[in-house]
Protein backbone atom coordinates (compact mmCIF):
# COMPACT_ATOMS: atom_id res chain seq x y z
CA ILE A 1 6.95 1.85 -0.04
CA ASP A 2 9.01 3.74 2.27
CA LEU A 3 6.59 6.24 3.84
CA GLY A 4 9.55 8.47 4.73
CA ILE A 5 8.32 9.32 8.14
CA THR A 6 10.90 10.02 10.90
CA ASN A 7 10.03 10.06 14.68
CA LEU A 8 11.57 13.12 16.31
CA PRO A 9 11.04 13.54 19.89
CA ILE A 10 12.33 16.52 21.54
CA ALA A 11 14.16 14.50 24.17
CA GLY A 12 16.33 11.60 23.12
CA LEU A 13 16.44 11.82 19.19
CA SER A 14 15.11 8.41 17.68
CA PHE A 15 14.73 7.57 14.06
CA SER A 16 11.95 5.26 12.88
CA THR A 17 10.61 4.54 9.37
CA ARG A 18 7.14 2.95 8.53
CA TYR A 19 7.04 0.58 5.47
CA TYR A 20 4.20 -0.55 3.40
CA GLY A 21 4.38 -3.38 0.66
CA PHE A 22 1.86 -3.76 -2.31
CA VAL A 23 1.36 -7.59 -3.60
CA LEU A 24 -0.46 -7.71 -7.04
CA GLY A 25 -3.41 -10.21 -7.40
CA ASN A 26 -6.72 -11.21 -5.49
CA LEU A 27 -5.29 -13.95 -3.33
CA GLY A 28 -5.73 -12.53 0.09
CA GLY A 29 -6.12 -9.59 2.49
CA GLY A 30 -3.59 -7.58 4.23
CA LEU A 31 -1.72 -7.67 7.64
CA SER A 32 0.39 -5.27 10.02
CA ASP A 33 2.98 -6.58 12.12
CA ASP A 34 1.95 -4.82 15.18
CA ILE A 35 -0.62 -1.78 16.27
CA PRO A 36 1.22 0.63 16.40
CA GLY A 37 3.87 -1.10 14.05
CA LYS A 38 6.62 -0.74 11.46
CA VAL A 39 5.67 -2.77 8.36
CA ALA A 40 2.40 -3.61 6.70
CA SER A 41 1.09 -5.18 3.41
CA GLY A 42 -1.79 -5.45 1.39
CA TRP A 43 -2.86 -7.41 -1.76
CA MET A 44 -3.61 -5.10 -4.74
CA PRO A 45 -6.92 -5.97 -6.47
CA THR A 46 -7.00 -6.28 -10.17
CA LEU A 47 -10.57 -5.10 -10.04
CA ASP A 48 -9.35 -1.78 -8.59
CA TYR A 49 -12.58 -0.25 -7.92
CA GLY A 50 -14.08 -3.43 -6.16
CA ILE A 51 -13.83 -4.89 -2.70
CA GLY A 52 -9.97 -4.05 -1.37
CA ARG A 53 -9.57 -0.80 -2.72
CA GLU A 54 -9.62 0.60 0.54
CA ARG A 55 -7.46 -2.40 2.10
CA HIS A 56 -4.15 -0.22 1.93
CA ALA A 57 -5.59 2.58 3.91
CA HIS A 58 -6.93 0.14 6.63
CA GLU A 59 -3.21 -1.49 6.92
CA LEU A 60 -1.80 1.94 7.13
CA ALA A 61 -4.03 2.93 9.97
CA HIS A 62 -2.95 -0.24 11.60
CA ILE A 63 0.70 0.57 11.76
CA LEU A 64 -0.21 4.09 12.91
CA GLY A 65 -2.11 2.51 16.07
CA ARG A 66 -5.77 1.89 15.06
CA HIS A 67 -7.29 -1.32 15.87
CA HIS A 68 -10.29 -3.17 14.36
CA ALA A 69 -13.90 -1.90 15.14
CA VAL A 70 -14.69 -4.38 17.95
CA ASP A 71 -17.31 -4.27 20.83
CA SER A 72 -16.53 -5.61 24.03
CA VAL A 73 -20.16 -7.01 24.61
CA LEU A 74 -19.29 -9.75 21.79
CA GLY A 75 -16.57 -11.30 24.17
CA LEU A 76 -13.23 -12.69 23.31
CA ASP A 77 -12.26 -15.40 20.72
CA PRO A 78 -10.31 -18.48 21.66
CA SER A 79 -7.06 -16.65 21.21
CA LEU A 80 -8.59 -14.05 23.78
CA GLN A 81 -8.87 -11.25 21.32
CA LYS A 82 -12.05 -8.76 21.48
CA LYS A 83 -14.53 -9.32 18.48
CA GLY A 84 -16.18 -7.40 16.13
CA TYR A 85 -19.55 -7.89 14.26
CA CYS A 86 -17.90 -9.09 10.95
CA GLY A 87 -15.31 -11.49 12.07
CA GLU A 88 -12.69 -8.74 12.76
CA VAL A 89 -10.70 -9.31 16.16
CA ALA A 90 -8.35 -7.03 17.98
CA THR A 91 -6.05 -7.25 21.01
CA ASN A 92 -8.05 -6.89 24.25
CA VAL A 93 -6.87 -3.62 25.09
CA ALA A 94 -8.34 -2.17 21.78
CA PRO A 95 -11.06 0.47 22.39
CA ASP A 96 -14.79 -0.02 21.45
CA PHE A 97 -15.68 1.51 18.25
CA PRO A 98 -18.21 4.15 19.20
CA ASN A 99 -20.30 4.20 15.89
CA LEU A 100 -22.31 1.04 15.98
CA PHE A 101 -25.69 1.19 14.58
CA ASN A 102 -28.64 -1.13 13.60
CA VAL A 103 -28.37 -0.88 9.67
CA PRO A 104 -30.78 -3.28 7.50
CA ILE A 105 -28.31 -6.47 8.06
CA GLY A 106 -28.15 -5.90 11.67
CA ARG A 107 -25.83 -4.10 14.45
CA ARG A 108 -22.73 -2.84 12.26
CA PRO A 109 -19.78 -0.28 12.61
CA THR A 110 -20.77 2.74 10.45
CA LEU A 111 -19.93 6.17 9.77
CA GLY A 112 -22.83 7.80 11.33
CA PRO A 113 -24.98 8.96 12.48
CA MET A 114 -24.05 12.35 11.33
CA ASP A 115 -27.31 14.13 12.44
CA GLN A 116 -25.69 16.23 15.22
CA GLY A 117 -23.15 19.06 15.41
CA PRO A 118 -22.53 21.94 12.97
CA ASN A 119 -22.36 19.48 9.65
CA PRO A 120 -25.57 17.28 9.97
CA MET A 121 -26.02 14.57 7.64
CA ILE A 122 -23.05 14.89 5.22
CA TRP A 123 -23.25 12.38 2.46
CA GLY A 124 -20.29 11.31 0.27
CA LEU A 125 -19.78 11.23 -3.41
CA ASP A 126 -17.54 8.37 -4.55
CA PHE A 127 -15.84 9.86 -7.94
CA TYR A 128 -13.67 6.96 -8.41
CA SER A 129 -16.63 4.64 -8.81
CA ILE A 130 -18.29 7.28 -11.40
CA PHE A 131 -15.11 7.10 -13.17
CA LYS A 132 -14.76 3.25 -13.26
CA ASN A 133 -18.30 2.28 -12.89
CA GLY A 134 -18.41 -0.79 -10.86
CA PRO A 135 -21.88 -2.32 -12.08
CA MET A 136 -22.73 -3.09 -8.43
CA PHE A 137 -21.79 -0.05 -6.67
CA SER A 138 -23.87 2.88 -5.75
CA GLN A 139 -21.95 6.21 -6.33
CA VAL A 140 -23.65 8.00 -3.22
CA VAL A 141 -21.98 7.08 0.41
CA ASN A 142 -24.86 7.15 3.10
CA PRO A 143 -23.27 7.54 6.38
CA THR A 144 -25.71 5.41 8.34
CA ASN A 145 -25.22 2.45 6.56
CA THR A 146 -21.73 2.70 4.92
CA HIS A 147 -19.27 0.56 6.86
CA GLU A 148 -16.31 1.73 8.92
CA LEU A 149 -12.69 1.56 7.61
CA MET A 150 -11.22 -0.73 10.11
CA SER A 151 -13.95 -3.26 10.22
CA TYR A 152 -14.56 -6.02 8.01
CA CYS A 153 -18.25 -5.15 7.31
CA ARG A 154 -19.61 -4.49 3.80
CA SER A 155 -23.11 -4.44 2.20
CA ALA A 156 -24.49 -5.60 -1.25
CA THR A 157 -25.16 -2.13 -2.27
CA TRP A 158 -22.03 -0.42 -1.02
CA PRO A 159 -19.17 -2.98 -0.44
CA LEU A 160 -16.48 -0.43 -0.05
CA ARG A 161 -15.54 0.77 3.44
CA TRP A 162 -14.90 4.65 4.16
CA VAL A 163 -13.17 6.34 6.81
CA SER A 164 -15.49 7.67 9.84
CA SER A 165 -14.92 10.83 11.65
CA TYR A 166 -13.77 8.72 14.52
CA THR A 167 -10.93 7.05 12.84
CA TYR A 168 -9.93 10.25 10.69
CA THR A 169 -9.76 12.42 13.88
CA ASN A 170 -7.38 9.71 15.48
CA LEU A 171 -5.21 9.24 12.67
CA PHE A 172 -4.88 13.20 12.55
CA ASN A 173 -4.01 13.36 15.96
CA ILE A 174 -1.39 10.74 15.72
CA LEU A 175 0.03 12.28 12.74
CA ALA A 176 0.12 15.66 13.97
CA SER A 177 1.58 14.77 17.69
CA GLN A 178 3.95 12.05 16.97
CA PHE A 179 5.63 12.66 13.37
CA ARG A 180 6.98 15.09 11.05
CA GLN A 181 7.73 14.84 7.38
CA TYR A 182 11.41 14.65 6.85
CA SER A 183 12.35 14.22 3.01
CA LEU A 184 15.41 12.20 2.30
CA PHE A 185 15.58 13.91 -1.07
CA ALA A 186 15.39 17.32 -0.09
CA PRO A 187 18.68 19.38 -0.19
CA GLY A 188 20.92 17.68 2.37
CA GLY A 189 18.32 15.32 3.40
CA PHE A 190 19.76 11.79 2.62
CA ALA A 191 22.89 13.07 4.40
CA GLY A 192 20.83 14.52 7.36
CA THR A 193 19.28 11.24 7.76
CA ARG A 194 22.65 9.53 7.96
CA ALA A 195 23.44 12.45 10.38
CA LEU A 196 20.44 11.35 12.31
CA GLN A 197 21.48 7.78 12.61
CA ALA A 198 25.10 8.86 13.53
CA ALA A 199 23.75 10.91 16.29
CA GLN A 200 22.32 7.89 18.09
CA ASN A 201 24.41 5.47 19.95
CA ALA A 202 27.13 3.85 18.30
CA ALA A 203 25.80 0.81 16.46
CA ALA A 204 26.81 -2.60 17.73
CA ASP A 205 26.41 -6.24 16.40
CA TYR A 206 23.29 -8.04 17.20
CA LEU A 207 21.76 -11.52 16.95
CA LEU A 208 18.31 -11.45 15.57
CA PHE A 209 16.15 -14.07 16.68
CA SER A 210 12.83 -14.13 14.90
CA GLY A 211 9.97 -16.70 13.89
CA GLU A 212 6.37 -17.59 14.22
CA ILE A 213 4.00 -18.84 17.00
CA ASP A 214 0.74 -20.54 16.49
CA VAL A 215 -1.10 -19.66 19.58
CA LEU A 216 -3.74 -22.01 19.13
CA GLN A 217 -1.66 -25.25 18.65
CA ASN A 218 0.78 -23.80 20.98
CA SER A 219 3.82 -24.64 18.26
CA ALA A 220 6.65 -22.27 16.92
CA VAL A 221 9.05 -22.05 14.21
CA LEU A 222 12.29 -20.31 14.52
CA SER A 223 13.60 -18.54 11.44
CA SER A 224 17.34 -18.25 10.46
CA VAL A 225 19.33 -16.12 12.98
CA LEU A 226 20.72 -12.92 11.50
CA ARG A 227 23.62 -10.78 12.40
CA VAL A 228 22.60 -7.39 12.11
CA ARG A 229 24.11 -3.61 13.34
CA LEU A 230 21.52 -1.73 15.23
CA SER A 231 21.63 1.23 17.52
CA ALA A 232 20.31 0.42 21.06
CA PRO A 233 17.19 -1.25 20.11
CA PRO A 234 14.62 -1.11 22.63
CA PRO A 235 14.01 -4.39 24.91
CA PRO A 236 10.91 -6.54 23.84
CA THR A 237 7.75 -5.97 25.74
CA GLN A 238 7.65 -8.74 28.35
CA GLY A 239 4.88 -11.29 28.06
CA GLU A 240 3.95 -15.01 28.42
CA TYR A 241 6.74 -16.50 25.88
CA THR A 242 10.55 -16.96 26.94
CA LEU A 243 13.59 -16.95 24.64
CA ARG A 244 16.09 -19.00 26.28
CA LEU A 245 19.57 -18.63 25.42
CA ARG A 246 22.37 -21.49 26.18
CA ASP A 247 26.05 -21.95 25.63
CA ALA A 248 27.54 -24.86 23.69
CA VAL A 249 27.22 -27.37 26.72
CA GLY A 250 23.69 -26.07 27.49
CA THR A 251 24.25 -23.81 30.36
CA VAL A 252 21.49 -21.03 30.43
CA LEU A 253 22.93 -17.63 29.66
CA ALA A 254 19.67 -15.84 29.72
CA ASP A 255 15.75 -15.69 29.80
CA ILE A 256 14.24 -13.05 27.80
CA LEU A 257 10.39 -12.74 28.31
CA PHE A 258 8.55 -11.51 25.38
CA THR A 259 5.14 -11.04 23.49
CA ALA A 260 4.45 -12.19 20.47
CA SER A 261 2.38 -10.18 18.02
CA LEU A 262 -0.57 -11.49 16.27
CA GLY A 263 -1.01 -8.29 14.26
CA GLU A 264 -4.22 -7.31 12.65
CA ALA A 265 -5.40 -8.76 9.49
CA ASP A 266 -7.62 -7.34 6.96
CA ASP A 267 -8.38 -10.88 5.56
CA PRO A 268 -12.20 -11.87 6.59
CA GLU A 269 -12.05 -14.80 4.34
CA ASN A 270 -9.55 -16.67 6.19
CA GLY A 271 -11.05 -15.57 9.99
CA PRO A 272 -9.11 -14.50 12.73
CA ARG A 273 -5.46 -14.62 12.61
CA ALA A 274 -3.75 -17.24 14.86
CA ILE A 275 -0.28 -16.94 13.83
CA ALA A 276 2.01 -14.52 15.93
CA ILE A 277 5.54 -13.31 15.12
CA PHE A 278 8.32 -12.14 17.09
CA ALA A 279 11.81 -10.74 16.30
CA ILE A 280 14.22 -10.24 19.31
CA PRO A 281 17.66 -8.61 18.90
CA VAL A 282 20.39 -9.75 21.46
CA VAL A 283 23.75 -8.28 21.49
CA ALA A 284 26.10 -10.73 19.69
CA ASP A 285 28.02 -12.99 22.13
CA PRO A 286 30.02 -15.89 20.74
CA ALA A 287 29.15 -18.06 23.73
CA ILE A 288 25.32 -18.06 22.75
CA ARG A 289 25.19 -21.61 20.88
CA GLN A 290 21.53 -22.78 21.23
CA VAL A 291 18.43 -20.91 21.61
CA GLU A 292 14.86 -22.21 22.57
CA VAL A 293 11.25 -20.79 22.58
CA LEU A 294 9.05 -21.56 25.66
CA HIS A 295 5.51 -21.23 26.78
CA ALA A 296 4.60 -22.16 30.30
CA GLY A 297 7.57 -24.08 30.65
CA GLN A 298 7.07 -26.20 27.48
CA VAL A 299 9.62 -25.75 24.70
CA LEU A 300 8.09 -24.95 21.56
CA ALA A 301 11.11 -24.90 19.21
CA THR A 302 14.85 -25.12 19.49
CA ARG A 303 17.98 -24.42 17.44
CA LYS A 304 21.69 -25.31 17.96
CA ALA A 305 24.44 -23.84 16.36
CA SER A 306 26.54 -26.19 13.99
CA ALA A 307 30.34 -26.24 14.57
CA ASN A 308 31.52 -24.14 11.53
CA ALA A 309 30.17 -20.81 10.24
CA PRO A 310 29.50 -20.63 6.37
CA THR A 311 32.15 -18.92 4.02
CA ILE A 312 31.18 -16.65 1.46
CA ASN A 313 32.82 -14.63 -1.71
CA VAL A 314 30.83 -11.86 -3.35
CA LEU A 315 31.60 -12.25 -7.22
CA SER A 316 29.82 -9.63 -8.80
CA PRO A 317 29.61 -6.67 -9.00
CA ASN A 318 33.08 -6.67 -7.04
CA GLY A 319 34.19 -3.33 -8.04
CA GLY A 320 34.62 -1.26 -11.31
CA GLU A 321 31.13 -1.96 -13.16
CA VAL A 322 28.55 0.19 -14.07
CA LEU A 323 25.13 -1.31 -13.63
CA ALA A 324 23.29 0.39 -16.28
CA ASN A 325 21.75 -2.66 -18.02
CA ASP A 326 18.53 -3.97 -17.08
CA PRO A 327 18.43 -6.41 -15.38
CA VAL A 328 21.25 -6.64 -13.14
CA THR A 329 22.59 -10.06 -11.63
CA LEU A 330 24.31 -10.26 -8.39
CA ARG A 331 26.36 -13.41 -7.90
CA TRP A 332 28.38 -14.94 -4.97
CA ASP A 333 30.00 -18.28 -3.96
CA ALA A 334 29.24 -19.86 -0.53
CA LYS A 335 30.36 -23.16 1.37
CA ASP A 336 29.51 -24.62 4.63
CA ALA A 337 31.88 -27.27 5.96
CA ASP A 338 28.96 -28.83 8.08
CA GLY A 339 26.85 -29.17 4.83
CA ASP A 340 24.01 -27.07 6.45
CA PRO A 341 21.52 -25.63 3.88
CA LEU A 342 22.32 -22.05 3.42
CA THR A 343 20.04 -18.62 3.19
CA TYR A 344 21.26 -15.30 2.24
CA LEU A 345 20.56 -11.82 3.22
CA VAL A 346 21.58 -9.40 0.48
CA GLN A 347 22.20 -5.72 0.95
CA TYR A 348 23.10 -2.53 -1.06
CA SER A 349 25.20 0.50 -0.07
CA ASP A 350 25.36 3.74 -2.03
CA ASP A 351 28.04 5.41 0.37
CA GLY A 352 30.88 2.83 0.10
CA GLY A 353 29.47 0.56 2.97
CA GLN A 354 28.85 3.12 5.74
CA SER A 355 24.75 2.24 5.51
CA TRP A 356 22.98 -0.68 3.73
CA GLN A 357 19.66 -1.14 2.55
CA THR A 358 18.23 -4.81 2.47
CA LEU A 359 17.33 -6.19 -1.05
CA THR A 360 16.38 -9.62 0.11
CA LEU A 361 16.26 -11.91 2.88
CA ASP A 362 16.10 -15.82 3.27
CA TRP A 363 17.08 -16.17 -0.34
CA GLN A 364 18.20 -19.68 -1.21
CA GLN A 365 20.23 -19.21 -4.34
CA THR A 366 23.68 -17.79 -5.10
CA SER A 367 22.49 -15.15 -7.40
CA TYR A 368 19.86 -12.39 -7.25
CA THR A 369 18.35 -10.66 -10.31
CA LEU A 370 16.97 -7.00 -9.98
CA SER A 371 16.27 -3.88 -11.85
CA PRO A 372 18.96 -1.17 -11.35
CA ASP A 373 15.84 1.36 -11.04
CA ILE A 374 15.72 0.37 -7.43
CA LEU A 375 19.40 1.08 -6.38
CA ARG A 376 20.02 4.97 -5.91
CA ALA A 377 22.49 6.40 -8.08
CA THR A 378 25.99 6.55 -6.99
CA GLN A 379 29.66 6.31 -7.57
CA GLN A 380 30.37 4.30 -4.34
CA GLY A 381 28.00 1.28 -4.69
CA ARG A 382 28.82 -1.90 -2.72
CA ILE A 383 26.96 -5.12 -2.17
CA ARG A 384 27.09 -7.23 0.96
CA VAL A 385 25.86 -10.76 1.06
CA GLN A 386 25.50 -12.79 4.49
CA ALA A 387 24.97 -16.43 4.64
CA SER A 388 23.36 -18.39 7.24
CA ASP A 389 23.19 -21.84 8.22
CA GLY A 390 20.30 -21.19 10.50
CA PHE A 391 22.63 -20.00 13.47
CA ASN A 392 25.99 -19.05 12.04
CA THR A 393 26.50 -16.50 9.73
CA GLY A 394 29.31 -15.24 7.30
CA GLU A 395 29.47 -12.52 5.19
CA ASP A 396 31.46 -10.59 2.28
CA ASP A 397 31.32 -6.92 0.70
CA SER A 398 32.21 -6.10 -3.05
CA ASP A 399 35.94 -5.42 -2.85
CA ASN A 400 35.52 -1.84 -4.46
CA ASN A 401 33.17 0.63 -5.42
CA PHE A 402 30.85 0.50 -8.48
CA ILE A 403 28.67 2.69 -10.43
CA VAL A 404 24.96 3.14 -10.58
CA PRO A 405 23.87 5.68 -13.13
CA ASN A 406 21.39 8.21 -12.30
CA HIS A 407 17.70 7.45 -13.21
CA PRO A 408 15.21 9.30 -14.97
CA PRO A 409 11.71 10.05 -13.18
CA LYS A 410 9.00 7.73 -13.30
CA ILE A 411 5.47 8.95 -14.45
CA GLY A 412 2.20 7.48 -13.65
CA LEU A 413 -1.07 9.10 -15.27
CA VAL A 414 -3.79 9.56 -12.73
CA SER A 415 -6.16 11.56 -14.86
CA PRO A 416 -7.84 11.76 -17.28
CA GLY A 417 -8.48 8.28 -18.66
CA GLU A 418 -6.95 7.46 -21.92
CA ASN A 419 -8.69 8.68 -25.28
CA GLU A 420 -11.16 10.21 -22.96
CA LEU A 421 -13.83 12.37 -24.66
CA VAL A 422 -14.33 16.15 -23.27
CA ILE A 423 -17.03 18.45 -24.46
CA GLY A 424 -18.20 22.02 -24.07
CA ALA A 425 -16.64 23.84 -21.19
CA GLN A 426 -16.17 20.51 -19.18
CA GLN A 427 -13.10 21.02 -16.65
CA ILE A 428 -10.13 18.80 -17.40
CA VAL A 429 -7.80 17.75 -14.57
CA LEU A 430 -4.29 16.88 -15.71
CA ARG A 431 -2.77 14.96 -13.07
CA ALA A 432 0.17 12.62 -13.10
CA SER A 433 2.06 10.80 -10.07
CA ILE A 434 5.73 11.50 -10.74
CA THR A 435 8.65 10.21 -8.41
CA ASP A 436 12.43 10.06 -8.84
CA ARG A 437 14.62 7.46 -7.27
CA GLU A 438 17.29 10.13 -6.36
CA ASP A 439 15.17 13.49 -5.77
CA GLY A 440 12.19 11.87 -4.46
CA SER A 441 9.43 14.07 -5.59
CA VAL A 442 9.64 16.40 -8.79
CA SER A 443 8.87 19.95 -8.42
CA ASP A 444 5.85 21.41 -10.39
CA ASP A 445 8.03 23.62 -12.62
CA ARG A 446 9.72 20.42 -13.81
CA VAL A 447 6.67 18.96 -15.02
CA LEU A 448 5.07 20.26 -18.54
CA TRP A 449 1.96 19.47 -20.30
CA THR A 450 1.60 19.93 -23.93
CA SER A 451 -0.64 19.25 -26.87
CA GLY A 452 -0.08 18.36 -30.27
CA ILE A 453 -2.45 20.90 -31.50
CA ASP A 454 -2.42 23.59 -29.14
CA GLY A 455 1.27 23.47 -27.63
CA ARG A 456 1.96 24.28 -24.11
CA LEU A 457 -0.99 23.82 -21.68
CA GLY A 458 1.02 24.53 -18.38
CA SER A 459 3.23 23.11 -15.78
CA GLY A 460 2.76 21.11 -12.62
CA ASN A 461 1.98 17.56 -11.51
CA GLU A 462 -1.73 18.66 -11.37
CA LEU A 463 -3.15 21.07 -14.30
CA PHE A 464 -6.92 22.06 -14.24
CA LEU A 465 -8.17 23.30 -17.83
CA SER A 466 -11.46 24.29 -19.27
CA ALA A 467 -12.02 22.29 -22.18
CA SER A 468 -13.02 25.22 -24.08
CA SER A 469 -9.64 26.54 -24.18
CA LEU A 470 -8.74 23.78 -26.24
CA SER A 471 -9.01 23.37 -30.11
CA GLN A 472 -11.52 21.01 -31.28
CA GLY A 473 -10.12 17.77 -32.69
CA ASP A 474 -8.15 14.68 -31.45
CA HIS A 475 -5.21 15.83 -29.27
CA THR A 476 -2.01 14.02 -28.27
CA ILE A 477 -1.12 15.18 -24.69
CA THR A 478 2.26 14.76 -23.59
CA VAL A 479 3.61 14.93 -19.88
CA SER A 480 7.32 15.48 -19.40
CA ALA A 481 9.35 15.43 -16.30
CA SER A 482 12.91 16.27 -15.54
CA ASP A 483 15.01 15.56 -12.41
CA GLY A 484 17.70 17.46 -10.80
CA ASN A 485 20.31 15.86 -12.98
CA GLY A 486 18.57 16.91 -16.12
CA ALA A 487 17.30 13.29 -17.04
CA THR A 488 13.73 13.43 -18.78
CA VAL A 489 11.03 11.25 -19.26
CA THR A 490 7.79 11.67 -21.00
CA ARG A 491 4.22 9.93 -21.54
CA THR A 492 1.74 10.65 -24.16
CA PHE A 493 -1.88 9.78 -24.37
CA PRO A 494 -4.92 10.67 -26.66
CA LEU A 495 -7.61 12.94 -25.61
CA ARG A 496 -10.66 14.07 -27.86
CA PHE A 497 -12.58 17.53 -27.62
CA GLN A 498 -15.90 18.45 -28.98
CA ARG A 499 -17.53 21.76 -28.59
CA GLU A 500 -20.75 20.12 -28.63
CA ALA A 501 -21.66 16.53 -28.04
CA THR A 502 -22.81 14.18 -30.70
CA PRO A 503 -26.07 13.18 -30.15
CA GLN A 504 -26.20 9.27 -29.76
CA LEU A 505 -29.07 7.04 -28.91
CA GLN A 506 -28.62 3.44 -28.50
CA ILE A 507 -30.82 0.77 -27.19
CA GLU A 508 -29.97 -2.89 -25.96
CA ALA A 509 -31.76 -6.00 -24.37
CA LEU A 510 -31.08 -6.92 -20.85
CA LYS A 511 -33.11 -10.22 -20.24
CA GLU A 512 -36.57 -8.72 -19.36
CA LEU A 513 -35.79 -5.06 -19.69
CA ILE A 514 -34.38 -2.74 -22.60
CA ARG A 515 -31.76 -0.16 -21.72
CA ILE A 516 -31.57 3.14 -23.59
CA THR A 517 -28.24 5.06 -23.37
CA TRP A 518 -27.15 8.73 -24.31
CA PRO A 519 -24.07 10.91 -23.65
CA ALA A 520 -24.28 12.23 -20.05
CA ALA A 521 -22.83 15.62 -21.38
CA LEU A 522 -26.03 16.22 -23.59
CA ILE A 523 -27.83 18.17 -20.62
CA GLU A 524 -29.79 20.07 -23.06
CA TYR A 525 -31.34 17.22 -24.63
CA GLU A 526 -34.61 15.42 -23.51
CA LEU A 527 -35.56 11.73 -24.15
CA GLU A 528 -38.82 11.31 -25.59
CA SER A 529 -40.96 8.00 -27.10
CA SER A 530 -43.72 7.44 -29.43
CA LEU A 531 -45.94 4.52 -30.51
CA ASN A 532 -46.45 5.69 -34.04
CA LEU A 533 -43.94 8.50 -35.29
CA ARG A 534 -46.61 10.74 -35.56
CA PRO A 535 -45.20 14.45 -34.76
CA ALA A 536 -48.06 15.17 -31.99
CA SER A 537 -47.26 11.84 -30.41
CA TRP A 538 -43.97 12.09 -28.84
CA THR A 539 -43.99 12.43 -24.88
CA ALA A 540 -40.92 12.88 -22.59
CA MET A 541 -39.82 9.71 -20.89
CA THR A 542 -39.81 9.75 -17.10
CA GLY A 543 -38.03 7.40 -14.74
CA ASN A 544 -34.81 7.24 -12.79
CA THR A 545 -31.82 7.43 -14.88
CA GLN A 546 -28.18 6.46 -13.85
CA VAL A 547 -24.55 7.33 -15.52
CA LEU A 548 -22.72 4.43 -16.85
CA ARG A 549 -19.23 5.37 -18.19
CA GLY A 550 -20.16 8.67 -19.50
CA MET A 551 -23.71 7.65 -20.56
CA LYS A 552 -26.98 8.36 -19.11
CA ALA A 553 -29.05 5.03 -18.95
CA LEU A 554 -32.79 4.37 -18.71
CA ASP A 555 -34.19 0.64 -18.08
CA LEU A 556 -37.63 0.08 -19.25
CA PRO A 557 -39.54 -3.25 -19.23
CA THR A 558 -39.97 -4.80 -22.73
CA ALA A 559 -43.45 -4.46 -24.44
CA ASN A 560 -45.05 -6.24 -27.49
CA ALA A 561 -46.09 -3.29 -29.12
CA PRO A 562 -43.39 -1.27 -31.51
CA ARG A 563 -41.91 1.83 -29.51
CA PHE A 564 -39.62 4.48 -30.91
CA PHE A 565 -37.51 7.00 -29.22
CA ARG A 566 -35.51 10.00 -29.77
CA LEU A 567 -33.64 12.88 -28.20
CA ARG A 568 -34.82 16.32 -28.81
CA LYS A 569 -32.73 19.51 -27.93
CA LEU A 570 -34.58 21.74 -25.51
C-alpha cells in the first residue's frame, strides 16, 4: 500500500513515499526497514480481532520515527540494543518510554496513568471486539493495565495493544510538522508528481549494492547488483561497515563507510532481530568490477563481475496489445554467455517510458503473471525487464505502447455485517471502503446506497440511518460506486429489520455451568426464574451479564432441582 505521503520541505524540494505491505496468514510479526524508514510490512492474522490486529499501526509508527517501548535501566542486549520488559529491543539512541508502571504481571509499558490533567481516568471501549466477540477479550480498555502499541506486552485479559497519549502525540507532531498529503489522483496530481520529480536534480544511473548482515555471526550476504536511475540519493550514514569497490585487477576504487539497519520487528515469538539490511547506491562506473563488504578489516562477503553481461528481449506485451483479460502474463527471453544464473527486475510504465513502477524483483523465471487491476489505465503502456547475473545487467523495453483499459472502482464493505438484524430505532451505519486505481478515492456523490424495499437511502462512503426509517422486512442493500470515467461497480448484502425484537430465550450447557442467552436489544425485558412455575414464584435474576454476538448472556452453576426461566416485558 502506497501511503501517498510526500515530503515537501520549504528549501530544497525533495520527494519521498512510504510503503506498507500486508501478508496474509499467522506465520510471523512485522518489520520496518529503519526508524524513520521507507518500507514496512506485517502479517494479517486470519483471526482479525485477535493478537496482531494492531500490528500494522505498530509498523507504520516505526517508519514514521517511533521506537519500541524500552527502558535504559534494563541495559543492552548482545547486539548492543536497548531492551524492553517484554522482549522488545531498540537502537541505543531510542528514548525511554515514560509510562512504565507495575501492573499485575510486573513492570510494563502501559497507557496510563490517566489520573492527572483535564481528562482524568478516560477509559476506552473496543467496538470492534464487541462486533467480533473474541471470547477471550474484554471490551473495556483500562488505561493502567493496557499495554502500549510500541511494546510487545500483552495480558491474558486484554491481549491487544493500544496507542498511548505519548505515542499518539509524537506521531501527530511528526505528521503535522514533516508531511502534507499530496494526492496522485487529484486533478493534475499524477502529472504534478512527475513535475516534482523532474524539478529535482536530473536522474543518473546508479549501481545499487544491497544485502544482509548477521550482526551476531559477523557474516554477510550480497544481493544481485541492480542498475537503477535515481535523482541525487543521499549518501549512506557512516558506520562500522565498509563497502569496498575494486576494478578488474583488484585496485581499490573507493571505500564507503555505512551503517546496516537492524530495523525494528514486531515479532516477539522469534526474539530480537539479528539480521541487518543495507542498500547503497553508487554512481554507475564501468570500472567497478568487484565489491566487498568488510567489518573491522574482515571481509564478510565478496562478488566479482563475470566477463559478459546478460542479453534480454521482451516478447510480450511488446506493443499494440490490449491488456483487458485477467490474468496477464509478461514474457521475455534472456541469455548469458558465461552461463551465470539470472534474476529479473520487472517494471511497468504508463507514460511511454518516462517513469517506471517496479512489479517484481529478484524474479527467477522468464515470465510473470499478474492481474491487470494493479496496472494504471493508459494508452502508453510499456514493460521493462532487467536481467542480472549477480553483477552485470542487461535490459529491454517493449518496442511500442500497449493499452490498459480503465478499471472500475473496488468496494470493500465495512459495516454493517452481512445479514445483520437491526431492531426498533437502532442506528445503522452503512460504511464502505471504496478505491479506484485511476482516481484513487471516490467522492461521496458517486457512491449510492439503495434498499430493495425502500429504494434510495442516500449517498456517500459513510451513511448514518435510523432503523425506524426502514420498512420492516428482509432488505437487500446495494451500494454502487462510479469513477470519473463512468465505470460502475455494485455490491449487495442482506439486512433484516424488525420494529420490535422477537423474544428468544436459549439455554446451553457449558461443563459445570449453564448459559442463558436472549437478544441484547430486548432492553425492556427482564429475566426471571422459578422452581415450580406457580405465578407467584417468579423472581428477577441478578448477576453479571455479558454481550456475545448481539445476545445477552448469563452464566449460572448447574443444580440438581428443576429450574425454569422466562423473559417478562416490563
